């Protein structure tokens, strides 16, 4: 005699016992970038061969921090709101300083001001100030559209020609042998990881590089220069940092796929035009130009939407439906 056993499928655990999926901290990308920039700067001065003085770092950070607190306090008072650093103790103030820290420490090694340390302070003040002055309303929020460090460096290099400059050969002047490949490889791998996990700007990078190679071929054909001479600059540390860390700034670059492609290609086009016009420091000016065009476009879209809403009659006892946010 045999007994049949009823085997019931394993019951799924109640929804209350399922651990919720951990959300990624939206500030983690900024924390990662700021940490990498800090380590890169320290190693640059101690090992790689940065030619800027250590004083530039401390002046840049002091200027960036103080301007961030000052401009945020002024903007908060003007708009009758609490400053972002108010309350929350030390942790909130540290989080508030993440962006100014990233901007300031990046500026400290992007330009060379020799003994004119006041120029470093001015550059950081311009960078932080641009976030409060050059803004446009997008999806109901005021957002800055110029890359702060890139914009400030472009302004200083243009306004103080012959006084401030950039030393692209100085980033790894003390590295030799295998380290000439190891350090750039680490920077590339960390940059790719950062953009895959946090910024989502891989299409911007791909479109920039693809367009760069295309326009390099056009320049080579038109000017009669060797093609390799037009693209070899991509192997240098400045263009590696520019490609993976500057043009992919999530606050000042588009998120929509088609807009990312246009944005990256536009920078490559501006770079090529400025290069053929014999303009120095081409990469800073190209990003500044494209960001300004994008900001003007966002301003026009916002103006058009505001005008359309003012013309829509409001039903009695109700309000017109809010438009769907545009992802740009």
C-alpha atoms as a PDB file:
ATOM      1  CA  UNK A   1       0.000   0.000   0.000  1.00  0.00           C
ATOM      2  CA  UNK A   2       1.396   3.366  -0.986  1.00  0.00           C
ATOM      3  CA  UNK A   3       0.563   6.849   0.144  1.00  0.00           C
ATOM      4  CA  UNK A   4       0.584   9.768  -2.197  1.00  0.00           C
ATOM      5  CA  UNK A   5       2.163  12.952  -0.833  1.00  0.00           C
ATOM      6  CA  UNK A   6       0.854  16.311  -1.950  1.00  0.00           C
ATOM      7  CA  UNK A   7       3.793  18.646  -2.504  1.00  0.00           C
ATOM      8  CA  UNK A   8       2.772  22.259  -2.680  1.00  0.00           C
ATOM      9  CA  UNK A   9       4.992  24.801  -4.400  1.00  0.00           C
ATOM     10  CA  UNK A  10       7.035  26.961  -2.094  1.00  0.00           C
ATOM     11  CA  UNK A  11       5.006  29.902  -1.049  1.00  0.00           C
ATOM     12  CA  UNK A  12       6.487  33.299  -1.887  1.00  0.00           C
ATOM     13  CA  UNK A  13       7.450  35.338   1.158  1.00  0.00           C
ATOM     14  CA  UNK A  14       5.101  38.134   2.083  1.00  0.00           C
ATOM     15  CA  UNK A  15       5.817  41.422   0.463  1.00  0.00           C
ATOM     16  CA  UNK A  16       6.602  42.926   3.854  1.00  0.00           C
ATOM     17  CA  UNK A  17       9.524  40.516   4.346  1.00  0.00           C
ATOM     18  CA  UNK A  18      11.153  41.239   0.972  1.00  0.00           C
ATOM     19  CA  UNK A  19      14.024  43.642   1.399  1.00  0.00           C
ATOM     20  CA  UNK A  20      13.460  46.736  -0.711  1.00  0.00           C
ATOM     21  CA  UNK A  21      15.934  47.361  -3.468  1.00  0.00           C
ATOM     22  CA  UNK A  22      18.597  49.700  -2.216  1.00  0.00           C
ATOM     23  CA  UNK A  23      18.562  52.974  -4.090  1.00  0.00           C
ATOM     24  CA  UNK A  24      21.856  54.412  -5.233  1.00  0.00           C
ATOM     25  CA  UNK A  25      22.740  57.655  -3.524  1.00  0.00           C
ATOM     26  CA  UNK A  26      22.426  60.353  -6.203  1.00  0.00           C
ATOM     27  CA  UNK A  27      25.411  62.116  -4.645  1.00  0.00           C
ATOM     28  CA  UNK A  28      27.635  59.058  -4.883  1.00  0.00           C
ATOM     29  CA  UNK A  29      28.800  60.012  -8.369  1.00  0.00           C
ATOM     30  CA  UNK A  30      29.806  63.452  -7.133  1.00  0.00           C
ATOM     31  CA  UNK A  31      31.516  61.938  -4.091  1.00  0.00           C
ATOM     32  CA  UNK A  32      33.416  59.536  -6.332  1.00  0.00           C
ATOM     33  CA  UNK A  33      34.484  62.318  -8.687  1.00  0.00           C
ATOM     34  CA  UNK A  34      35.564  64.596  -5.853  1.00  0.00           C
ATOM     35  CA  UNK A  35      37.558  61.805  -4.226  1.00  0.00           C
ATOM     36  CA  UNK A  36      39.294  60.928  -7.476  1.00  0.00           C
ATOM     37  CA  UNK A  37      40.090  64.586  -8.224  1.00  0.00           C
ATOM     38  CA  UNK A  38      41.581  65.011  -4.748  1.00  0.00           C
ATOM     39  CA  UNK A  39      43.748  61.897  -5.007  1.00  0.00           C
ATOM     40  CA  UNK A  40      44.807  62.838  -8.542  1.00  0.00           C
ATOM     41  CA  UNK A  41      45.800  66.330  -7.387  1.00  0.00           C
ATOM     42  CA  UNK A  42      47.834  65.075  -4.410  1.00  0.00           C
ATOM     43  CA  UNK A  43      49.602  62.433  -6.497  1.00  0.00           C
ATOM     44  CA  UNK A  44      50.113  64.986  -9.242  1.00  0.00           C
ATOM     45  CA  UNK A  45      52.049  67.319  -6.980  1.00  0.00           C
ATOM     46  CA  UNK A  46      53.860  64.579  -5.066  1.00  0.00           C
ATOM     47  CA  UNK A  47      54.618  62.045  -7.812  1.00  0.00           C
ATOM     48  CA  UNK A  48      53.418  62.917 -11.324  1.00  0.00           C
ATOM     49  CA  UNK A  49      55.198  66.240 -11.695  1.00  0.00           C
ATOM     50  CA  UNK A  50      52.554  68.970 -11.579  1.00  0.00           C
ATOM     51  CA  UNK A  51      54.296  72.294 -12.094  1.00  0.00           C
ATOM     52  CA  UNK A  52      51.748  74.374 -10.203  1.00  0.00           C
ATOM     53  CA  UNK A  53      52.568  75.293  -6.614  1.00  0.00           C
ATOM     54  CA  UNK A  54      50.896  73.680  -3.606  1.00  0.00           C
ATOM     55  CA  UNK A  55      49.637  77.146  -2.723  1.00  0.00           C
ATOM     56  CA  UNK A  56      47.312  77.042  -5.725  1.00  0.00           C
ATOM     57  CA  UNK A  57      45.418  74.129  -4.160  1.00  0.00           C
ATOM     58  CA  UNK A  58      44.806  75.836  -0.828  1.00  0.00           C
ATOM     59  CA  UNK A  59      43.906  79.180  -2.399  1.00  0.00           C
ATOM     60  CA  UNK A  60      41.507  77.451  -4.812  1.00  0.00           C
ATOM     61  CA  UNK A  61      39.770  75.502  -2.037  1.00  0.00           C
ATOM     62  CA  UNK A  62      39.552  78.474   0.322  1.00  0.00           C
ATOM     63  CA  UNK A  63      38.117  80.662  -2.448  1.00  0.00           C
ATOM     64  CA  UNK A  64      35.693  77.995  -3.647  1.00  0.00           C
ATOM     65  CA  UNK A  65      34.366  77.176  -0.177  1.00  0.00           C
ATOM     66  CA  UNK A  66      33.933  80.802   0.889  1.00  0.00           C
ATOM     67  CA  UNK A  67      32.283  81.822  -2.388  1.00  0.00           C
ATOM     68  CA  UNK A  68      29.941  78.826  -2.230  1.00  0.00           C
ATOM     69  CA  UNK A  69      28.727  79.781   1.250  1.00  0.00           C
ATOM     70  CA  UNK A  70      28.479  83.471   0.370  1.00  0.00           C
ATOM     71  CA  UNK A  71      26.653  83.086  -2.953  1.00  0.00           C
ATOM     72  CA  UNK A  72      24.274  80.464  -1.561  1.00  0.00           C
ATOM     73  CA  UNK A  73      23.414  82.713   1.397  1.00  0.00           C
ATOM     74  CA  UNK A  74      22.795  85.705  -0.888  1.00  0.00           C
ATOM     75  CA  UNK A  75      20.667  83.652  -3.297  1.00  0.00           C
ATOM     76  CA  UNK A  76      18.671  82.156  -0.430  1.00  0.00           C
ATOM     77  CA  UNK A  77      17.980  85.597   1.042  1.00  0.00           C
ATOM     78  CA  UNK A  78      16.962  86.950  -2.378  1.00  0.00           C
ATOM     79  CA  UNK A  79      14.515  84.085  -2.927  1.00  0.00           C
ATOM     80  CA  UNK A  80      13.228  83.850   0.663  1.00  0.00           C
ATOM     81  CA  UNK A  81      14.388  80.294   1.270  1.00  0.00           C
ATOM     82  CA  UNK A  82      16.720  78.435   3.584  1.00  0.00           C
ATOM     83  CA  UNK A  83      20.333  78.042   2.400  1.00  0.00           C
ATOM     84  CA  UNK A  84      21.162  74.490   1.367  1.00  0.00           C
ATOM     85  CA  UNK A  85      23.856  74.274   4.028  1.00  0.00           C
ATOM     86  CA  UNK A  86      21.549  75.388   6.857  1.00  0.00           C
ATOM     87  CA  UNK A  87      20.703  72.789   9.498  1.00  0.00           C
ATOM     88  CA  UNK A  88      21.661  69.135   9.363  1.00  0.00           C
ATOM     89  CA  UNK A  89      24.952  69.614  11.157  1.00  0.00           C
ATOM     90  CA  UNK A  90      28.371  68.926   9.701  1.00  0.00           C
ATOM     91  CA  UNK A  91      27.167  66.228   7.290  1.00  0.00           C
ATOM     92  CA  UNK A  92      24.863  68.600   5.419  1.00  0.00           C
ATOM     93  CA  UNK A  93      27.564  71.243   5.104  1.00  0.00           C
ATOM     94  CA  UNK A  94      30.021  68.614   3.866  1.00  0.00           C
ATOM     95  CA  UNK A  95      27.537  67.456   1.229  1.00  0.00           C
ATOM     96  CA  UNK A  96      26.940  71.067   0.216  1.00  0.00           C
ATOM     97  CA  UNK A  97      30.683  71.568  -0.292  1.00  0.00           C
ATOM     98  CA  UNK A  98      31.084  68.510  -2.530  1.00  0.00           C
ATOM     99  CA  UNK A  99      30.385  70.437  -5.744  1.00  0.00           C
ATOM    100  CA  UNK A 100      32.517  73.502  -4.805  1.00  0.00           C
ATOM    101  CA  UNK A 101      35.328  71.159  -3.770  1.00  0.00           C
ATOM    102  CA  UNK A 102      35.193  69.322  -7.083  1.00  0.00           C
ATOM    103  CA  UNK A 103      35.160  72.587  -9.041  1.00  0.00           C
ATOM    104  CA  UNK A 104      37.926  74.274  -7.048  1.00  0.00           C
ATOM    105  CA  UNK A 105      40.377  71.403  -6.864  1.00  0.00           C
ATOM    106  CA  UNK A 106      39.933  70.777 -10.592  1.00  0.00           C
ATOM    107  CA  UNK A 107      40.688  74.402 -11.380  1.00  0.00           C
ATOM    108  CA  UNK A 108      43.812  74.217  -9.190  1.00  0.00           C
ATOM    109  CA  UNK A 109      45.553  71.967 -11.722  1.00  0.00           C
ATOM    110  CA  UNK A 110      43.838  73.025 -14.939  1.00  0.00           C
ATOM    111  CA  UNK A 111      45.564  76.402 -15.166  1.00  0.00           C
ATOM    112  CA  UNK A 112      48.958  77.831 -14.264  1.00  0.00           C
ATOM    113  CA  UNK A 113      49.040  81.312 -12.741  1.00  0.00           C
ATOM    114  CA  UNK A 114      52.683  81.383 -11.589  1.00  0.00           C
ATOM    115  CA  UNK A 115      52.949  83.797  -8.640  1.00  0.00           C
ATOM    116  CA  UNK A 116      49.637  85.529  -9.376  1.00  0.00           C
ATOM    117  CA  UNK A 117      47.688  83.525  -6.819  1.00  0.00           C
ATOM    118  CA  UNK A 118      44.883  86.082  -6.885  1.00  0.00           C
ATOM    119  CA  UNK A 119      44.065  84.817 -10.378  1.00  0.00           C
ATOM    120  CA  UNK A 120      43.379  81.378  -8.937  1.00  0.00           C
ATOM    121  CA  UNK A 121      40.986  82.911  -6.392  1.00  0.00           C
ATOM    122  CA  UNK A 122      39.282  84.907  -9.146  1.00  0.00           C
ATOM    123  CA  UNK A 123      38.885  81.802 -11.322  1.00  0.00           C
ATOM    124  CA  UNK A 124      37.187  79.883  -8.509  1.00  0.00           C
ATOM    125  CA  UNK A 125      34.927  82.834  -7.729  1.00  0.00           C
ATOM    126  CA  UNK A 126      33.843  83.020 -11.383  1.00  0.00           C
ATOM    127  CA  UNK A 127      33.214  79.265 -11.471  1.00  0.00           C
ATOM    128  CA  UNK A 128      31.061  79.216  -8.331  1.00  0.00           C
ATOM    129  CA  UNK A 129      29.308  82.462  -9.265  1.00  0.00           C
ATOM    130  CA  UNK A 130      28.355  81.172 -12.712  1.00  0.00           C
ATOM    131  CA  UNK A 131      26.135  78.566 -11.032  1.00  0.00           C
ATOM    132  CA  UNK A 132      24.005  81.355  -9.554  1.00  0.00           C
ATOM    133  CA  UNK A 133      24.081  83.839 -12.438  1.00  0.00           C
ATOM    134  CA  UNK A 134      23.944  81.715 -15.601  1.00  0.00           C
ATOM    135  CA  UNK A 135      20.782  79.747 -14.880  1.00  0.00           C
ATOM    136  CA  UNK A 136      17.663  78.781 -16.750  1.00  0.00           C
ATOM    137  CA  UNK A 137      14.401  77.300 -15.523  1.00  0.00           C
ATOM    138  CA  UNK A 138      14.114  73.670 -16.575  1.00  0.00           C
ATOM    139  CA  UNK A 139      11.259  71.404 -15.493  1.00  0.00           C
ATOM    140  CA  UNK A 140      10.278  73.972 -12.914  1.00  0.00           C
ATOM    141  CA  UNK A 141      13.718  74.375 -11.363  1.00  0.00           C
ATOM    142  CA  UNK A 142      16.480  76.912 -11.886  1.00  0.00           C
ATOM    143  CA  UNK A 143      19.576  75.077 -13.090  1.00  0.00           C
ATOM    144  CA  UNK A 144      22.958  76.338 -14.230  1.00  0.00           C
ATOM    145  CA  UNK A 145      23.856  75.483 -17.805  1.00  0.00           C
ATOM    146  CA  UNK A 146      27.549  76.392 -18.011  1.00  0.00           C
ATOM    147  CA  UNK A 147      30.143  73.881 -16.811  1.00  0.00           C
ATOM    148  CA  UNK A 148      31.543  75.910 -13.881  1.00  0.00           C
ATOM    149  CA  UNK A 149      35.222  74.974 -14.001  1.00  0.00           C
ATOM    150  CA  UNK A 150      35.352  74.963 -17.803  1.00  0.00           C
ATOM    151  CA  UNK A 151      33.600  78.337 -18.040  1.00  0.00           C
ATOM    152  CA  UNK A 152      35.859  79.986 -15.456  1.00  0.00           C
ATOM    153  CA  UNK A 153      39.035  78.640 -17.035  1.00  0.00           C
ATOM    154  CA  UNK A 154      37.886  79.790 -20.483  1.00  0.00           C
ATOM    155  CA  UNK A 155      37.162  83.292 -19.152  1.00  0.00           C
ATOM    156  CA  UNK A 156      40.539  83.580 -17.405  1.00  0.00           C
ATOM    157  CA  UNK A 157      42.517  82.210 -20.354  1.00  0.00           C
ATOM    158  CA  UNK A 158      40.790  84.661 -22.683  1.00  0.00           C
ATOM    159  CA  UNK A 159      40.902  87.712 -20.410  1.00  0.00           C
ATOM    160  CA  UNK A 160      44.455  87.206 -19.137  1.00  0.00           C
ATOM    161  CA  UNK A 161      46.282  85.960 -22.219  1.00  0.00           C
ATOM    162  CA  UNK A 162      49.977  85.786 -21.536  1.00  0.00           C
ATOM    163  CA  UNK A 163      49.395  85.914 -17.784  1.00  0.00           C
ATOM    164  CA  UNK A 164      47.508  82.663 -17.147  1.00  0.00           C
ATOM    165  CA  UNK A 165      48.063  79.508 -19.124  1.00  0.00           C
ATOM    166  CA  UNK A 166      47.873  75.756 -19.150  1.00  0.00           C
ATOM    167  CA  UNK A 167      50.709  73.241 -19.006  1.00  0.00           C
ATOM    168  CA  UNK A 168      49.383  70.054 -20.618  1.00  0.00           C
ATOM    169  CA  UNK A 169      52.847  68.474 -20.705  1.00  0.00           C
ATOM    170  CA  UNK A 170      53.242  68.896 -16.954  1.00  0.00           C
ATOM    171  CA  UNK A 171      50.632  66.401 -15.736  1.00  0.00           C
ATOM    172  CA  UNK A 172      52.883  63.348 -15.910  1.00  0.00           C
ATOM    173  CA  UNK A 173      56.293  64.827 -16.621  1.00  0.00           C
ATOM    174  CA  UNK A 174      57.942  62.762 -13.853  1.00  0.00           C
ATOM    175  CA  UNK A 175      56.456  59.433 -14.952  1.00  0.00           C
ATOM    176  CA  UNK A 176      58.544  57.107 -17.086  1.00  0.00           C
ATOM    177  CA  UNK A 177      58.463  53.609 -18.519  1.00  0.00           C
ATOM    178  CA  UNK A 178      55.380  51.500 -17.865  1.00  0.00           C
ATOM    179  CA  UNK A 179      53.849  54.198 -15.673  1.00  0.00           C
ATOM    180  CA  UNK A 180      53.299  56.291 -18.804  1.00  0.00           C
ATOM    181  CA  UNK A 181      50.658  53.695 -19.719  1.00  0.00           C
ATOM    182  CA  UNK A 182      49.483  52.522 -16.306  1.00  0.00           C
ATOM    183  CA  UNK A 183      48.365  55.914 -14.980  1.00  0.00           C
ATOM    184  CA  UNK A 184      46.349  56.936 -18.090  1.00  0.00           C
ATOM    185  CA  UNK A 185      44.796  53.440 -18.172  1.00  0.00           C
ATOM    186  CA  UNK A 186      43.644  53.783 -14.557  1.00  0.00           C
ATOM    187  CA  UNK A 187      42.173  57.214 -15.316  1.00  0.00           C
ATOM    188  CA  UNK A 188      40.320  55.812 -18.331  1.00  0.00           C
ATOM    189  CA  UNK A 189      38.929  52.801 -16.453  1.00  0.00           C
ATOM    190  CA  UNK A 190      37.773  54.920 -13.507  1.00  0.00           C
ATOM    191  CA  UNK A 191      36.184  57.426 -15.884  1.00  0.00           C
ATOM    192  CA  UNK A 192      34.300  54.743 -17.809  1.00  0.00           C
ATOM    193  CA  UNK A 193      33.058  53.206 -14.550  1.00  0.00           C
ATOM    194  CA  UNK A 194      31.926  56.614 -13.289  1.00  0.00           C
ATOM    195  CA  UNK A 195      29.961  57.361 -16.448  1.00  0.00           C
ATOM    196  CA  UNK A 196      28.359  53.921 -16.648  1.00  0.00           C
ATOM    197  CA  UNK A 197      27.244  53.792 -13.019  1.00  0.00           C
ATOM    198  CA  UNK A 198      26.418  57.420 -12.246  1.00  0.00           C
ATOM    199  CA  UNK A 199      26.259  59.946 -15.084  1.00  0.00           C
ATOM    200  CA  UNK A 200      24.786  57.893 -17.936  1.00  0.00           C
ATOM    201  CA  UNK A 201      26.769  59.978 -20.413  1.00  0.00           C
ATOM    202  CA  UNK A 202      28.405  57.193 -22.439  1.00  0.00           C
ATOM    203  CA  UNK A 203      26.515  58.338 -25.608  1.00  0.00           C
ATOM    204  CA  UNK A 204      28.027  61.805 -25.138  1.00  0.00           C
ATOM    205  CA  UNK A 205      31.520  60.298 -24.987  1.00  0.00           C
ATOM    206  CA  UNK A 206      30.960  58.063 -28.007  1.00  0.00           C
ATOM    207  CA  UNK A 207      29.480  60.853 -30.134  1.00  0.00           C
ATOM    208  CA  UNK A 208      32.319  63.221 -29.167  1.00  0.00           C
ATOM    209  CA  UNK A 209      35.003  60.664 -30.055  1.00  0.00           C
ATOM    210  CA  UNK A 210      33.330  59.520 -33.280  1.00  0.00           C
ATOM    211  CA  UNK A 211      32.846  63.115 -34.419  1.00  0.00           C
ATOM    212  CA  UNK A 212      36.393  63.999 -33.370  1.00  0.00           C
ATOM    213  CA  UNK A 213      37.823  61.263 -35.610  1.00  0.00           C
ATOM    214  CA  UNK A 214      35.519  62.316 -38.455  1.00  0.00           C
ATOM    215  CA  UNK A 215      36.447  66.009 -38.302  1.00  0.00           C
ATOM    216  CA  UNK A 216      40.112  65.088 -37.865  1.00  0.00           C
ATOM    217  CA  UNK A 217      39.902  63.245 -41.173  1.00  0.00           C
ATOM    218  CA  UNK A 218      38.293  66.257 -42.830  1.00  0.00           C
ATOM    219  CA  UNK A 219      41.016  68.559 -41.470  1.00  0.00           C
ATOM    220  CA  UNK A 220      43.712  66.154 -42.592  1.00  0.00           C
ATOM    221  CA  UNK A 221      42.277  66.024 -46.116  1.00  0.00           C
ATOM    222  CA  UNK A 222      41.631  69.760 -46.382  1.00  0.00           C
ATOM    223  CA  UNK A 223      44.872  70.993 -44.839  1.00  0.00           C
ATOM    224  CA  UNK A 224      47.113  68.212 -46.078  1.00  0.00           C
ATOM    225  CA  UNK A 225      48.325  67.282 -42.589  1.00  0.00           C
ATOM    226  CA  UNK A 226      48.973  63.674 -41.482  1.00  0.00           C
ATOM    227  CA  UNK A 227      45.871  62.135 -39.948  1.00  0.00           C
ATOM    228  CA  UNK A 228      47.759  60.734 -36.977  1.00  0.00           C
ATOM    229  CA  UNK A 229      48.851  64.238 -36.071  1.00  0.00           C
ATOM    230  CA  UNK A 230      45.217  65.296 -35.800  1.00  0.00           C
ATOM    231  CA  UNK A 231      44.173  62.527 -33.397  1.00  0.00           C
ATOM    232  CA  UNK A 232      47.291  61.907 -31.304  1.00  0.00           C
ATOM    233  CA  UNK A 233      46.182  64.592 -28.821  1.00  0.00           C
ATOM    234  CA  UNK A 234      43.527  62.172 -27.556  1.00  0.00           C
ATOM    235  CA  UNK A 235      46.289  60.094 -25.933  1.00  0.00           C
ATOM    236  CA  UNK A 236      47.323  62.947 -23.629  1.00  0.00           C
ATOM    237  CA  UNK A 237      46.093  63.272 -20.049  1.00  0.00           C
ATOM    238  CA  UNK A 238      44.335  66.638 -20.704  1.00  0.00           C
ATOM    239  CA  UNK A 239      42.088  65.217 -23.452  1.00  0.00           C
ATOM    240  CA  UNK A 240      41.462  62.047 -21.427  1.00  0.00           C
ATOM    241  CA  UNK A 241      40.243  64.133 -18.479  1.00  0.00           C
ATOM    242  CA  UNK A 242      38.311  66.362 -20.857  1.00  0.00           C
ATOM    243  CA  UNK A 243      36.569  63.391 -22.498  1.00  0.00           C
ATOM    244  CA  UNK A 244      35.651  61.379 -19.409  1.00  0.00           C
ATOM    245  CA  UNK A 245      35.192  63.981 -16.693  1.00  0.00           C
ATOM    246  CA  UNK A 246      34.409  67.426 -18.128  1.00  0.00           C
ATOM    247  CA  UNK A 247      31.995  67.102 -21.030  1.00  0.00           C
ATOM    248  CA  UNK A 248      30.018  64.461 -19.079  1.00  0.00           C
ATOM    249  CA  UNK A 249      29.072  66.771 -16.200  1.00  0.00           C
ATOM    250  CA  UNK A 250      25.466  65.636 -15.545  1.00  0.00           C
ATOM    251  CA  UNK A 251      24.389  69.096 -14.364  1.00  0.00           C
ATOM    252  CA  UNK A 252      25.393  70.890 -17.567  1.00  0.00           C
ATOM    253  CA  UNK A 253      24.956  68.227 -20.252  1.00  0.00           C
ATOM    254  CA  UNK A 254      21.736  66.711 -21.631  1.00  0.00           C
ATOM    255  CA  UNK A 255      20.383  63.336 -20.533  1.00  0.00           C
ATOM    256  CA  UNK A 256      18.176  62.487 -23.525  1.00  0.00           C
ATOM    257  CA  UNK A 257      19.945  60.139 -25.973  1.00  0.00           C
ATOM    258  CA  UNK A 258      19.473  62.250 -29.109  1.00  0.00           C
ATOM    259  CA  UNK A 259      20.473  65.396 -27.209  1.00  0.00           C
ATOM    260  CA  UNK A 260      23.610  63.691 -25.925  1.00  0.00           C
ATOM    261  CA  UNK A 261      24.601  62.817 -29.476  1.00  0.00           C
ATOM    262  CA  UNK A 262      24.054  66.387 -30.646  1.00  0.00           C
ATOM    263  CA  UNK A 263      25.913  67.737 -27.601  1.00  0.00           C
ATOM    264  CA  UNK A 264      28.994  65.534 -28.069  1.00  0.00           C
ATOM    265  CA  UNK A 265      29.103  66.077 -31.827  1.00  0.00           C
ATOM    266  CA  UNK A 266      28.649  69.822 -31.348  1.00  0.00           C
ATOM    267  CA  UNK A 267      31.691  70.010 -29.083  1.00  0.00           C
ATOM    268  CA  UNK A 268      33.771  68.117 -31.663  1.00  0.00           C
ATOM    269  CA  UNK A 269      32.567  70.462 -34.412  1.00  0.00           C
ATOM    270  CA  UNK A 270      33.339  73.576 -32.359  1.00  0.00           C
ATOM    271  CA  UNK A 271      36.738  72.118 -31.462  1.00  0.00           C
ATOM    272  CA  UNK A 272      37.552  71.563 -35.132  1.00  0.00           C
ATOM    273  CA  UNK A 273      36.413  75.034 -36.205  1.00  0.00           C
ATOM    274  CA  UNK A 274      38.415  76.738 -33.454  1.00  0.00           C
ATOM    275  CA  UNK A 275      41.460  74.581 -34.184  1.00  0.00           C
ATOM    276  CA  UNK A 276      41.384  75.494 -37.872  1.00  0.00           C
ATOM    277  CA  UNK A 277      41.061  79.141 -36.796  1.00  0.00           C
ATOM    278  CA  UNK A 278      44.325  78.768 -34.826  1.00  0.00           C
ATOM    279  CA  UNK A 279      42.614  79.448 -31.491  1.00  0.00           C
ATOM    280  CA  UNK A 280      44.581  78.302 -28.453  1.00  0.00           C
ATOM    281  CA  UNK A 281      43.014  76.317 -25.576  1.00  0.00           C
ATOM    282  CA  UNK A 282      40.448  74.983 -28.007  1.00  0.00           C
ATOM    283  CA  UNK A 283      38.860  72.404 -25.745  1.00  0.00           C
ATOM    284  CA  UNK A 284      37.763  74.920 -23.097  1.00  0.00           C
ATOM    285  CA  UNK A 285      36.265  77.333 -25.616  1.00  0.00           C
ATOM    286  CA  UNK A 286      34.443  74.577 -27.507  1.00  0.00           C
ATOM    287  CA  UNK A 287      32.617  73.334 -24.390  1.00  0.00           C
ATOM    288  CA  UNK A 288      31.812  76.907 -23.325  1.00  0.00           C
ATOM    289  CA  UNK A 289      30.356  77.691 -26.747  1.00  0.00           C
ATOM    290  CA  UNK A 290      28.183  74.563 -26.909  1.00  0.00           C
ATOM    291  CA  UNK A 291      26.959  74.989 -23.311  1.00  0.00           C
ATOM    292  CA  UNK A 292      26.036  78.598 -24.055  1.00  0.00           C
ATOM    293  CA  UNK A 293      24.085  77.543 -27.150  1.00  0.00           C
ATOM    294  CA  UNK A 294      22.306  74.833 -25.155  1.00  0.00           C
ATOM    295  CA  UNK A 295      21.498  77.299 -22.370  1.00  0.00           C
ATOM    296  CA  UNK A 296      20.057  79.766 -24.876  1.00  0.00           C
ATOM    297  CA  UNK A 297      17.930  76.985 -26.370  1.00  0.00           C
ATOM    298  CA  UNK A 298      16.608  75.966 -22.935  1.00  0.00           C
ATOM    299  CA  UNK A 299      15.842  79.601 -22.147  1.00  0.00           C
ATOM    300  CA  UNK A 300      13.871  79.953 -25.385  1.00  0.00           C
ATOM    301  CA  UNK A 301      11.949  76.728 -24.717  1.00  0.00           C
ATOM    302  CA  UNK A 302      11.076  77.926 -21.239  1.00  0.00           C
ATOM    303  CA  UNK A 303      10.013  81.338 -22.565  1.00  0.00           C
ATOM    304  CA  UNK A 304       7.804  79.713 -25.201  1.00  0.00           C
ATOM    305  CA  UNK A 305       6.203  77.381 -22.656  1.00  0.00           C
ATOM    306  CA  UNK A 306       5.594  80.253 -20.239  1.00  0.00           C
ATOM    307  CA  UNK A 307       3.980  82.305 -23.000  1.00  0.00           C
ATOM    308  CA  UNK A 308       1.781  79.372 -24.009  1.00  0.00           C
ATOM    309  CA  UNK A 309       0.589  78.821 -20.442  1.00  0.00           C
ATOM    310  CA  UNK A 310      -0.297  82.476 -19.975  1.00  0.00           C
ATOM    311  CA  UNK A 311      -2.512  82.263 -23.064  1.00  0.00           C
ATOM    312  CA  UNK A 312      -4.366  79.140 -21.867  1.00  0.00           C
ATOM    313  CA  UNK A 313      -7.684  80.167 -20.237  1.00  0.00           C
ATOM    314  CA  UNK A 314      -8.049  78.868 -16.688  1.00  0.00           C
ATOM    315  CA  UNK A 315     -11.316  76.957 -16.161  1.00  0.00           C
ATOM    316  CA  UNK A 316     -13.551  78.315 -13.413  1.00  0.00           C
ATOM    317  CA  UNK A 317     -12.663  76.578 -10.149  1.00  0.00           C
ATOM    318  CA  UNK A 318      -9.650  74.823 -11.630  1.00  0.00           C
ATOM    319  CA  UNK A 319      -6.249  75.297 -13.178  1.00  0.00           C
ATOM    320  CA  UNK A 320      -4.750  74.269 -16.509  1.00  0.00           C
ATOM    321  CA  UNK A 321      -2.930  70.993 -16.556  1.00  0.00           C
ATOM    322  CA  UNK A 322       0.810  71.270 -16.070  1.00  0.00           C
ATOM    323  CA  UNK A 323       2.800  70.295 -19.158  1.00  0.00           C
ATOM    324  CA  UNK A 324       4.882  67.161 -19.228  1.00  0.00           C
ATOM    325  CA  UNK A 325       8.526  67.892 -18.373  1.00  0.00           C
ATOM    326  CA  UNK A 326      10.861  67.952 -21.348  1.00  0.00           C
ATOM    327  CA  UNK A 327      14.027  65.924 -20.958  1.00  0.00           C
ATOM    328  CA  UNK A 328      16.941  67.776 -22.557  1.00  0.00           C
END
